[in-house]
Each structure stands twice: as structure tokens, then as C-alpha cells.
Amino acid sequence: MSKPYLAMYVADYIIDYCNKHDIEINNLKLQKVMYYLQAKSLVETNEPLIDEELQKWKYGPVVPTVYHEYKNNGAGNISDIGPILREAKPGEKANFLGRYVQEIYSPELIGQDDRESINEVVNSLSKYTGFELVNKTHEHSIWKNAESRINEGAQGIMYTDEEIKNFFTNNEEAQLWKQA
């Protein structure tokens, strides 16, 4: 497998890793971890880690498909990983509803080097709560620039890979994955 990965592959890998290492992970924190992972990948490799754009929501960056998959957990820790449903690729036989492929999660869906990078970021961010990460992302100009529209109820405001990369490249103090 190679980047960019299906967002659910990365989310499920994070959840699996957190559960195996007694690290609390709820949907709010998962969203912020994915944002920092995307930023790290863009800064260090110039490639996105995930195949989905993040959106600017009231509580910071969100990957919508991942949010909706785990929203029923509320603020609780996510411990169960279900099957992954994705659209069939051209020429691939759909095995669910004639259009989708249903897969069982496996860590091998993510390449070894990327798994190690994810582990490092998760470990670096494990000391923060979801709301502490929300507060940090709210300090970022790329979120603040949309804050008034978000507070007025605007939806679907996207982060671009370019703005994420530029922000984190020019604001090294925001690179939480580098902090011990």
C-alpha cells in the first residue's frame, strides 16, 4: 500500500494502536490526530497521508467520513473497529450492494514506514486531551481565518493540502509531533 490512504484505514490503524497501548482515543481527539498526521506528511514528504480533504468545523479540523463512522461513540473512547466500506475501484468486483467493497481492517493496509510515523505522532499527541488539541488548532491562522463563517453556520469549508503544508512549514512551533 502507498499514500494517500483511505481515511478509514488510517483512522482504524490509530484506534487499533491506541487500544493496544492504553491510549485514550475518542472521536474528537481522533479528528485532531488525523489533522496533525496529514500536516506531518505534507511537510516531510510533500504527499498527503489520507485521500480525503479535512474540513473546518466548530471544534477544529474534521475528516467527515471518519467523524460519521464514529459519532455514535459520543465523547467515549473508541474501542471497536468495524468493517471498512469503500467504493469499488474500476475493474474491482463489488461485494456489497453492487457498488462497494467491504474489507476487514488490518494494520497491513498501511505501509510499515507510515505505520511507524503514525505511531510517533500518536505517542507525541497522547499527552493532550481532545479539547486541548481543539484549542491548539483554534490558534492556527488557517482555522481562525474561517472562524466567523464557521460560527455563522457555514459548512463544508475545506482545508487545502497547500495551506496545511504552508502553515506548518512556516510555524514550526505548531509541529506538535516534534515535541517530546
N, C-alpha and C. Protein backbone atom coordinates (compact mmCIF):
# COMPACT_ATOMS: atom_id res chain seq x y z
N MET A 1 0.84 -1.19 0.00
CA MET A 1 0.00 0.00 0.00
C MET A 1 0.89 1.24 0.00
N SER A 2 0.36 2.29 -0.60
CA SER A 2 1.12 3.54 -0.61
C SER A 2 0.17 4.72 -0.45
N LYS A 3 0.75 5.85 -0.09
CA LYS A 3 -0.03 7.06 0.14
C LYS A 3 -0.61 7.58 -1.17
N PRO A 4 -1.70 8.30 -1.08
CA PRO A 4 -2.52 8.53 0.10
C PRO A 4 -3.42 7.33 0.40
N TYR A 5 -3.68 7.14 1.68
CA TYR A 5 -4.51 6.03 2.14
C TYR A 5 -5.95 6.46 2.31
N LEU A 6 -6.84 5.51 2.19
CA LEU A 6 -8.23 5.74 2.53
C LEU A 6 -8.27 6.24 3.97
N ALA A 7 -9.00 7.29 4.23
CA ALA A 7 -9.03 7.89 5.58
C ALA A 7 -9.42 6.87 6.64
N MET A 8 -10.35 5.97 6.32
CA MET A 8 -10.77 4.97 7.31
C MET A 8 -9.65 4.00 7.64
N TYR A 9 -8.76 3.70 6.70
CA TYR A 9 -7.62 2.83 7.00
C TYR A 9 -6.76 3.46 8.10
N VAL A 10 -6.48 4.75 7.93
CA VAL A 10 -5.63 5.46 8.90
C VAL A 10 -6.35 5.58 10.23
N ALA A 11 -7.63 5.94 10.21
CA ALA A 11 -8.39 6.08 11.46
C ALA A 11 -8.41 4.76 12.22
N ASP A 12 -8.69 3.68 11.54
CA ASP A 12 -8.76 2.38 12.22
C ASP A 12 -7.39 1.95 12.73
N TYR A 13 -6.34 2.28 11.99
CA TYR A 13 -4.99 1.97 12.49
C TYR A 13 -4.71 2.75 13.78
N ILE A 14 -5.07 4.03 13.81
CA ILE A 14 -4.87 4.85 15.02
C ILE A 14 -5.63 4.24 16.19
N ILE A 15 -6.89 3.89 15.97
CA ILE A 15 -7.71 3.31 17.05
C ILE A 15 -7.10 2.01 17.54
N ASP A 16 -6.70 1.16 16.62
CA ASP A 16 -6.08 -0.12 16.98
C ASP A 16 -4.81 0.11 17.80
N TYR A 17 -3.96 1.01 17.35
CA TYR A 17 -2.71 1.31 18.05
C TYR A 17 -3.00 1.85 19.46
N CYS A 18 -3.94 2.78 19.55
CA CYS A 18 -4.28 3.36 20.86
C CYS A 18 -4.81 2.30 21.81
N ASN A 19 -5.68 1.44 21.32
CA ASN A 19 -6.24 0.40 22.18
C ASN A 19 -5.17 -0.57 22.65
N LYS A 20 -4.20 -0.88 21.80
CA LYS A 20 -3.13 -1.81 22.18
C LYS A 20 -2.12 -1.18 23.15
N HIS A 21 -2.09 0.16 23.21
CA HIS A 21 -1.11 0.85 24.04
C HIS A 21 -1.76 1.68 25.16
N ASP A 22 -3.01 1.37 25.47
CA ASP A 22 -3.75 2.06 26.54
C ASP A 22 -3.72 3.58 26.41
N ILE A 23 -3.91 4.05 25.20
CA ILE A 23 -4.00 5.48 24.92
C ILE A 23 -5.47 5.78 24.63
N GLU A 24 -6.02 6.75 25.35
CA GLU A 24 -7.42 7.09 25.13
C GLU A 24 -7.59 7.76 23.77
N ILE A 25 -8.60 7.31 23.03
CA ILE A 25 -8.89 7.92 21.73
C ILE A 25 -10.41 8.00 21.55
N ASN A 26 -10.92 9.22 21.50
CA ASN A 26 -12.33 9.43 21.20
C ASN A 26 -12.42 10.12 19.85
N ASN A 27 -13.61 10.34 19.36
CA ASN A 27 -13.78 10.89 18.01
C ASN A 27 -13.17 12.28 17.90
N LEU A 28 -13.33 13.10 18.91
CA LEU A 28 -12.78 14.45 18.87
C LEU A 28 -11.26 14.41 18.72
N LYS A 29 -10.62 13.60 19.56
CA LYS A 29 -9.16 13.50 19.51
C LYS A 29 -8.69 12.83 18.21
N LEU A 30 -9.43 11.83 17.76
CA LEU A 30 -9.09 11.15 16.51
C LEU A 30 -9.02 12.14 15.35
N GLN A 31 -9.99 13.05 15.29
CA GLN A 31 -10.01 14.04 14.21
C GLN A 31 -8.76 14.91 14.23
N LYS A 32 -8.35 15.33 15.42
CA LYS A 32 -7.18 16.21 15.53
C LYS A 32 -5.89 15.44 15.22
N VAL A 33 -5.81 14.19 15.66
CA VAL A 33 -4.63 13.36 15.36
C VAL A 33 -4.50 13.22 13.84
N MET A 34 -5.61 13.00 13.16
CA MET A 34 -5.56 12.85 11.70
C MET A 34 -5.10 14.14 11.02
N TYR A 35 -5.50 15.27 11.56
CA TYR A 35 -5.06 16.57 11.04
C TYR A 35 -3.54 16.71 11.17
N TYR A 36 -3.02 16.40 12.35
CA TYR A 36 -1.57 16.51 12.55
C TYR A 36 -0.81 15.48 11.70
N LEU A 37 -1.38 14.31 11.52
CA LEU A 37 -0.75 13.32 10.64
C LEU A 37 -0.68 13.83 9.20
N GLN A 38 -1.78 14.42 8.74
CA GLN A 38 -1.80 14.96 7.38
C GLN A 38 -0.75 16.08 7.26
N ALA A 39 -0.67 16.93 8.28
CA ALA A 39 0.30 18.02 8.26
C ALA A 39 1.73 17.49 8.21
N LYS A 40 2.04 16.52 9.05
CA LYS A 40 3.39 15.94 9.09
C LYS A 40 3.75 15.35 7.72
N SER A 41 2.84 14.62 7.14
CA SER A 41 3.10 14.00 5.84
C SER A 41 3.34 15.06 4.76
N LEU A 42 2.52 16.09 4.76
CA LEU A 42 2.67 17.15 3.76
C LEU A 42 3.99 17.91 3.94
N VAL A 43 4.36 18.19 5.19
CA VAL A 43 5.59 18.93 5.46
C VAL A 43 6.82 18.09 5.13
N GLU A 44 6.80 16.82 5.53
CA GLU A 44 8.01 16.00 5.43
C GLU A 44 8.15 15.23 4.11
N THR A 45 7.04 14.94 3.43
CA THR A 45 7.13 14.16 2.19
C THR A 45 6.48 14.85 0.99
N ASN A 46 5.80 15.97 1.25
CA ASN A 46 5.08 16.69 0.21
C ASN A 46 3.94 15.87 -0.38
N GLU A 47 3.50 14.84 0.35
CA GLU A 47 2.38 13.99 -0.07
C GLU A 47 1.36 13.92 1.06
N PRO A 48 0.07 13.91 0.72
CA PRO A 48 -0.93 13.71 1.77
C PRO A 48 -0.89 12.27 2.28
N LEU A 49 -1.18 12.08 3.55
CA LEU A 49 -1.27 10.73 4.11
C LEU A 49 -2.62 10.12 3.78
N ILE A 50 -3.67 10.94 3.85
CA ILE A 50 -5.02 10.44 3.60
C ILE A 50 -5.58 11.03 2.32
N ASP A 51 -6.55 10.32 1.76
CA ASP A 51 -7.11 10.67 0.44
C ASP A 51 -8.31 11.60 0.52
N GLU A 52 -8.58 12.14 1.69
CA GLU A 52 -9.78 12.96 1.87
C GLU A 52 -9.39 14.31 2.44
N GLU A 53 -10.02 15.37 1.95
CA GLU A 53 -9.75 16.69 2.49
C GLU A 53 -10.38 16.84 3.86
N LEU A 54 -9.70 17.58 4.71
CA LEU A 54 -10.24 17.88 6.02
C LEU A 54 -11.12 19.12 5.91
N GLN A 55 -12.11 19.19 6.80
CA GLN A 55 -12.99 20.35 6.83
C GLN A 55 -12.77 21.14 8.12
N LYS A 56 -13.12 22.43 8.07
CA LYS A 56 -13.01 23.32 9.22
C LYS A 56 -14.37 23.37 9.92
N TRP A 57 -14.43 22.74 11.09
CA TRP A 57 -15.67 22.69 11.86
C TRP A 57 -15.49 23.51 13.14
N LYS A 58 -16.59 23.64 13.88
CA LYS A 58 -16.58 24.42 15.12
C LYS A 58 -15.47 23.96 16.07
N TYR A 59 -15.25 22.67 16.17
CA TYR A 59 -14.22 22.15 17.07
C TYR A 59 -12.93 21.81 16.33
N GLY A 60 -12.69 22.50 15.23
CA GLY A 60 -11.42 22.32 14.52
C GLY A 60 -11.53 21.38 13.34
N PRO A 61 -10.38 20.84 12.91
CA PRO A 61 -10.33 20.00 11.71
C PRO A 61 -11.08 18.68 11.88
N VAL A 62 -11.75 18.27 10.81
CA VAL A 62 -12.53 17.03 10.82
C VAL A 62 -12.40 16.34 9.47
N VAL A 63 -12.28 15.02 9.51
CA VAL A 63 -12.40 14.18 8.32
C VAL A 63 -13.83 13.63 8.35
N PRO A 64 -14.73 14.17 7.53
CA PRO A 64 -16.15 13.84 7.66
C PRO A 64 -16.50 12.35 7.67
N THR A 65 -15.91 11.56 6.77
CA THR A 65 -16.28 10.13 6.75
C THR A 65 -15.91 9.45 8.05
N VAL A 66 -14.78 9.81 8.61
CA VAL A 66 -14.33 9.21 9.88
C VAL A 66 -15.22 9.70 11.02
N TYR A 67 -15.54 10.98 11.03
CA TYR A 67 -16.42 11.52 12.06
C TYR A 67 -17.75 10.76 12.08
N HIS A 68 -18.36 10.61 10.91
CA HIS A 68 -19.67 9.96 10.85
C HIS A 68 -19.59 8.48 11.22
N GLU A 69 -18.49 7.84 10.91
CA GLU A 69 -18.32 6.43 11.28
C GLU A 69 -18.32 6.24 12.79
N TYR A 70 -17.76 7.19 13.52
CA TYR A 70 -17.57 7.01 14.97
C TYR A 70 -18.39 7.97 15.83
N LYS A 71 -19.30 8.75 15.23
CA LYS A 71 -20.06 9.73 16.01
C LYS A 71 -20.96 9.10 17.07
N ASN A 72 -21.38 7.86 16.86
CA ASN A 72 -22.24 7.22 17.85
C ASN A 72 -21.51 6.89 19.15
N ASN A 73 -20.19 7.01 19.16
CA ASN A 73 -19.42 6.82 20.38
C ASN A 73 -19.49 8.06 21.27
N GLY A 74 -20.04 9.15 20.76
CA GLY A 74 -20.09 10.39 21.53
C GLY A 74 -18.69 10.79 21.96
N ALA A 75 -18.55 11.15 23.24
CA ALA A 75 -17.25 11.55 23.78
C ALA A 75 -16.49 10.35 24.34
N GLY A 76 -17.07 9.16 24.21
CA GLY A 76 -16.46 7.97 24.78
C GLY A 76 -15.30 7.44 23.96
N ASN A 77 -14.48 6.65 24.62
CA ASN A 77 -13.34 6.02 23.97
C ASN A 77 -13.84 5.08 22.86
N ILE A 78 -13.15 5.06 21.74
CA ILE A 78 -13.49 4.16 20.64
C ILE A 78 -12.69 2.88 20.83
N SER A 79 -13.39 1.77 20.93
CA SER A 79 -12.68 0.51 21.14
C SER A 79 -12.97 -0.51 20.04
N ASP A 80 -14.06 -0.35 19.33
CA ASP A 80 -14.43 -1.33 18.31
C ASP A 80 -14.18 -0.78 16.91
N ILE A 81 -13.59 -1.62 16.09
CA ILE A 81 -13.36 -1.27 14.69
C ILE A 81 -14.22 -2.20 13.85
N GLY A 82 -15.10 -1.62 13.05
CA GLY A 82 -15.96 -2.43 12.20
C GLY A 82 -15.35 -2.63 10.83
N PRO A 83 -16.07 -3.31 9.95
CA PRO A 83 -15.58 -3.47 8.58
C PRO A 83 -15.51 -2.11 7.88
N ILE A 84 -14.64 -2.01 6.92
CA ILE A 84 -14.46 -0.78 6.16
C ILE A 84 -15.24 -0.92 4.86
N LEU A 85 -16.03 0.07 4.54
CA LEU A 85 -16.83 0.08 3.32
C LEU A 85 -16.27 1.18 2.42
N ARG A 86 -15.89 0.82 1.21
CA ARG A 86 -15.37 1.81 0.26
C ARG A 86 -15.93 1.52 -1.12
N GLU A 87 -15.89 2.53 -1.97
CA GLU A 87 -16.34 2.33 -3.34
C GLU A 87 -15.38 1.41 -4.07
N ALA A 88 -15.93 0.54 -4.90
CA ALA A 88 -15.10 -0.37 -5.69
C ALA A 88 -14.30 0.44 -6.71
N LYS A 89 -13.07 0.02 -6.92
CA LYS A 89 -12.20 0.65 -7.92
C LYS A 89 -12.59 0.11 -9.29
N PRO A 90 -12.28 0.84 -10.36
CA PRO A 90 -12.59 0.33 -11.71
C PRO A 90 -12.01 -1.07 -11.91
N GLY A 91 -12.84 -1.99 -12.38
CA GLY A 91 -12.41 -3.36 -12.63
C GLY A 91 -12.44 -4.26 -11.40
N GLU A 92 -12.72 -3.70 -10.23
CA GLU A 92 -12.77 -4.48 -9.00
C GLU A 92 -14.21 -4.94 -8.76
N LYS A 93 -14.37 -6.17 -8.34
CA LYS A 93 -15.71 -6.71 -8.10
C LYS A 93 -16.24 -6.21 -6.76
N ALA A 94 -17.39 -5.55 -6.81
CA ALA A 94 -18.04 -5.07 -5.59
C ALA A 94 -18.64 -6.26 -4.86
N ASN A 95 -18.53 -6.25 -3.54
CA ASN A 95 -19.09 -7.35 -2.76
C ASN A 95 -20.17 -6.89 -1.79
N PHE A 96 -20.61 -5.62 -1.93
CA PHE A 96 -21.63 -5.10 -1.03
C PHE A 96 -22.50 -4.11 -1.80
N LEU A 97 -23.78 -4.40 -1.89
CA LEU A 97 -24.76 -3.55 -2.57
C LEU A 97 -24.41 -3.26 -4.03
N GLY A 98 -23.60 -4.12 -4.64
CA GLY A 98 -23.26 -3.98 -6.04
C GLY A 98 -22.36 -2.82 -6.40
N ARG A 99 -21.95 -2.03 -5.41
CA ARG A 99 -21.15 -0.84 -5.70
C ARG A 99 -19.93 -0.71 -4.79
N TYR A 100 -20.01 -1.33 -3.64
CA TYR A 100 -18.98 -1.14 -2.62
C TYR A 100 -18.19 -2.41 -2.36
N VAL A 101 -17.03 -2.21 -1.77
CA VAL A 101 -16.20 -3.32 -1.31
C VAL A 101 -16.15 -3.22 0.20
N GLN A 102 -16.45 -4.33 0.85
CA GLN A 102 -16.38 -4.38 2.31
C GLN A 102 -15.10 -5.11 2.68
N GLU A 103 -14.27 -4.45 3.49
CA GLU A 103 -12.99 -5.01 3.88
C GLU A 103 -12.91 -5.12 5.40
N ILE A 104 -12.13 -6.06 5.85
CA ILE A 104 -11.84 -6.19 7.27
C ILE A 104 -10.55 -5.44 7.54
N TYR A 105 -10.53 -4.65 8.61
CA TYR A 105 -9.34 -3.88 8.97
C TYR A 105 -8.14 -4.78 9.20
N SER A 106 -7.00 -4.32 8.75
CA SER A 106 -5.72 -4.97 9.02
C SER A 106 -4.66 -3.88 9.07
N PRO A 107 -3.71 -3.95 10.01
CA PRO A 107 -2.65 -2.94 10.06
C PRO A 107 -1.86 -2.87 8.75
N GLU A 108 -1.81 -3.98 8.01
CA GLU A 108 -1.05 -4.02 6.77
C GLU A 108 -1.66 -3.18 5.65
N LEU A 109 -2.85 -2.63 5.88
CA LEU A 109 -3.42 -1.71 4.91
C LEU A 109 -2.59 -0.42 4.83
N ILE A 110 -1.75 -0.21 5.84
CA ILE A 110 -0.84 0.95 5.90
C ILE A 110 0.59 0.43 5.78
N GLY A 111 1.40 1.07 4.96
CA GLY A 111 2.80 0.66 4.80
C GLY A 111 3.57 0.78 6.11
N GLN A 112 4.61 -0.04 6.26
CA GLN A 112 5.38 -0.10 7.50
C GLN A 112 5.96 1.26 7.91
N ASP A 113 6.58 1.97 6.99
CA ASP A 113 7.17 3.27 7.32
C ASP A 113 6.09 4.25 7.78
N ASP A 114 4.95 4.21 7.13
CA ASP A 114 3.85 5.10 7.52
C ASP A 114 3.27 4.70 8.87
N ARG A 115 3.20 3.40 9.15
CA ARG A 115 2.74 2.95 10.48
C ARG A 115 3.66 3.50 11.57
N GLU A 116 4.96 3.45 11.33
CA GLU A 116 5.92 3.96 12.31
C GLU A 116 5.75 5.46 12.51
N SER A 117 5.52 6.18 11.43
CA SER A 117 5.30 7.63 11.52
C SER A 117 4.01 7.93 12.28
N ILE A 118 2.96 7.17 12.00
CA ILE A 118 1.69 7.35 12.73
C ILE A 118 1.91 7.09 14.21
N ASN A 119 2.61 6.02 14.54
CA ASN A 119 2.88 5.69 15.95
C ASN A 119 3.57 6.85 16.66
N GLU A 120 4.56 7.46 16.00
CA GLU A 120 5.29 8.58 16.60
C GLU A 120 4.36 9.75 16.89
N VAL A 121 3.50 10.08 15.94
CA VAL A 121 2.59 11.20 16.12
C VAL A 121 1.58 10.89 17.23
N VAL A 122 1.01 9.70 17.21
CA VAL A 122 0.05 9.32 18.24
C VAL A 122 0.70 9.40 19.62
N ASN A 123 1.92 8.90 19.74
CA ASN A 123 2.62 8.96 21.02
C ASN A 123 2.88 10.40 21.45
N SER A 124 3.27 11.25 20.51
CA SER A 124 3.53 12.66 20.82
C SER A 124 2.26 13.38 21.28
N LEU A 125 1.13 13.04 20.68
CA LEU A 125 -0.13 13.72 20.99
C LEU A 125 -0.88 13.07 22.15
N SER A 126 -0.40 11.93 22.63
CA SER A 126 -1.13 11.19 23.66
C SER A 126 -1.25 11.97 24.96
N LYS A 127 -0.37 12.93 25.19
CA LYS A 127 -0.41 13.71 26.44
C LYS A 127 -1.50 14.78 26.42
N TYR A 128 -2.11 15.02 25.26
CA TYR A 128 -3.15 16.03 25.13
C TYR A 128 -4.54 15.40 25.13
N THR A 129 -5.50 16.12 25.69
CA THR A 129 -6.90 15.70 25.54
C THR A 129 -7.41 16.21 24.19
N GLY A 130 -8.56 15.71 23.80
CA GLY A 130 -9.16 16.19 22.56
C GLY A 130 -9.39 17.69 22.60
N PHE A 131 -9.87 18.21 23.74
CA PHE A 131 -10.16 19.64 23.82
C PHE A 131 -8.89 20.48 23.86
N GLU A 132 -7.81 19.96 24.42
CA GLU A 132 -6.53 20.68 24.35
C GLU A 132 -6.07 20.79 22.90
N LEU A 133 -6.28 19.74 22.13
CA LEU A 133 -5.92 19.79 20.70
C LEU A 133 -6.85 20.73 19.93
N VAL A 134 -8.13 20.76 20.30
CA VAL A 134 -9.06 21.72 19.69
C VAL A 134 -8.52 23.13 19.91
N ASN A 135 -8.15 23.44 21.15
CA ASN A 135 -7.64 24.78 21.46
C ASN A 135 -6.40 25.11 20.64
N LYS A 136 -5.52 24.14 20.47
CA LYS A 136 -4.31 24.37 19.67
C LYS A 136 -4.67 24.64 18.21
N THR A 137 -5.59 23.85 17.65
CA THR A 137 -5.95 24.06 16.24
C THR A 137 -6.70 25.38 16.05
N HIS A 138 -7.41 25.83 17.09
CA HIS A 138 -8.10 27.11 17.00
C HIS A 138 -7.13 28.29 16.99
N GLU A 139 -5.90 28.07 17.41
CA GLU A 139 -4.87 29.11 17.36
C GLU A 139 -4.26 29.24 15.96
N HIS A 140 -4.47 28.24 15.12
CA HIS A 140 -3.87 28.24 13.79
C HIS A 140 -4.61 29.23 12.88
N SER A 141 -3.85 30.05 12.19
CA SER A 141 -4.45 31.06 11.31
C SER A 141 -5.33 30.42 10.24
N ILE A 142 -5.00 29.22 9.81
CA ILE A 142 -5.79 28.60 8.74
C ILE A 142 -7.17 28.17 9.22
N TRP A 143 -7.37 28.04 10.54
CA TRP A 143 -8.71 27.83 11.08
C TRP A 143 -9.33 29.18 11.44
N LYS A 144 -8.54 30.04 12.08
CA LYS A 144 -9.04 31.35 12.52
C LYS A 144 -9.59 32.17 11.36
N ASN A 145 -8.97 32.03 10.18
CA ASN A 145 -9.43 32.78 9.01
C ASN A 145 -10.87 32.44 8.63
N ALA A 146 -11.34 31.28 9.03
CA ALA A 146 -12.71 30.86 8.71
C ALA A 146 -13.63 30.89 9.92
N GLU A 147 -13.11 31.31 11.08
CA GLU A 147 -13.87 31.21 12.33
C GLU A 147 -15.22 31.92 12.28
N SER A 148 -15.27 33.14 11.75
CA SER A 148 -16.55 33.86 11.74
C SER A 148 -17.57 33.13 10.86
N ARG A 149 -17.14 32.62 9.73
CA ARG A 149 -18.07 31.87 8.86
C ARG A 149 -18.54 30.59 9.54
N ILE A 150 -17.61 29.91 10.23
CA ILE A 150 -17.97 28.68 10.95
C ILE A 150 -19.01 29.00 12.02
N ASN A 151 -18.77 30.06 12.78
CA ASN A 151 -19.69 30.44 13.85
C ASN A 151 -21.04 30.91 13.32
N GLU A 152 -21.09 31.34 12.06
CA GLU A 152 -22.35 31.73 11.43
C GLU A 152 -23.08 30.53 10.84
N GLY A 153 -22.47 29.33 10.95
CA GLY A 153 -23.13 28.11 10.49
C GLY A 153 -22.68 27.60 9.14
N ALA A 154 -21.69 28.23 8.54
CA ALA A 154 -21.20 27.75 7.24
C ALA A 154 -20.66 26.33 7.38
N GLN A 155 -20.91 25.51 6.37
CA GLN A 155 -20.44 24.13 6.39
C GLN A 155 -19.63 23.84 5.13
N GLY A 156 -18.86 22.77 5.19
CA GLY A 156 -18.10 22.34 4.03
C GLY A 156 -16.90 23.21 3.71
N ILE A 157 -16.41 23.96 4.70
CA ILE A 157 -15.22 24.79 4.48
C ILE A 157 -14.00 23.87 4.54
N MET A 158 -13.30 23.77 3.44
CA MET A 158 -12.20 22.81 3.32
C MET A 158 -10.85 23.42 3.68
N TYR A 159 -10.01 22.57 4.25
CA TYR A 159 -8.58 22.86 4.31
C TYR A 159 -8.01 22.38 2.97
N THR A 160 -7.05 23.10 2.44
CA THR A 160 -6.34 22.57 1.27
C THR A 160 -5.01 22.00 1.76
N ASP A 161 -4.51 21.03 1.02
CA ASP A 161 -3.20 20.48 1.37
C ASP A 161 -2.14 21.57 1.36
N GLU A 162 -2.25 22.48 0.40
CA GLU A 162 -1.27 23.56 0.28
C GLU A 162 -1.27 24.46 1.51
N GLU A 163 -2.46 24.85 2.00
CA GLU A 163 -2.49 25.73 3.16
C GLU A 163 -2.01 25.02 4.42
N ILE A 164 -2.31 23.73 4.56
CA ILE A 164 -1.81 22.97 5.71
C ILE A 164 -0.29 22.92 5.65
N LYS A 165 0.24 22.55 4.50
CA LYS A 165 1.70 22.45 4.36
C LYS A 165 2.36 23.80 4.63
N ASN A 166 1.85 24.86 4.03
CA ASN A 166 2.45 26.19 4.22
C ASN A 166 2.38 26.63 5.67
N PHE A 167 1.23 26.42 6.32
CA PHE A 167 1.10 26.84 7.71
C PHE A 167 2.12 26.13 8.60
N PHE A 168 2.18 24.81 8.50
CA PHE A 168 3.08 24.05 9.38
C PHE A 168 4.55 24.24 9.02
N THR A 169 4.85 24.48 7.76
CA THR A 169 6.23 24.75 7.36
C THR A 169 6.69 26.08 7.96
N ASN A 170 5.81 27.06 7.97
CA ASN A 170 6.15 28.40 8.45
C ASN A 170 5.92 28.60 9.94
N ASN A 171 5.38 27.60 10.63
CA ASN A 171 5.09 27.69 12.06
C ASN A 171 5.55 26.41 12.75
N GLU A 172 6.86 26.27 12.88
CA GLU A 172 7.40 25.03 13.43
C GLU A 172 6.89 24.73 14.84
N GLU A 173 6.55 25.77 15.60
CA GLU A 173 6.03 25.53 16.96
C GLU A 173 4.70 24.78 16.93
N ALA A 174 4.01 24.80 15.80
CA ALA A 174 2.74 24.07 15.67
C ALA A 174 2.96 22.59 15.37
N GLN A 175 4.19 22.21 15.06
CA GLN A 175 4.51 20.81 14.73
C GLN A 175 4.62 20.00 16.02
N LEU A 176 3.48 19.71 16.62
CA LEU A 176 3.46 19.02 17.92
C LEU A 176 4.13 17.66 17.87
N TRP A 177 4.18 17.05 16.70
CA TRP A 177 4.80 15.72 16.59
C TRP A 177 6.30 15.78 16.87
N LYS A 178 6.90 16.96 16.83
CA LYS A 178 8.33 17.10 17.10
C LYS A 178 8.63 17.34 18.57
N GLN A 179 7.58 17.60 19.35
CA GLN A 179 7.78 17.91 20.76
C GLN A 179 7.74 16.64 21.58
N ALA A 180 8.71 16.53 22.49
CA ALA A 180 8.81 15.31 23.32
C ALA A 180 7.72 15.27 24.37
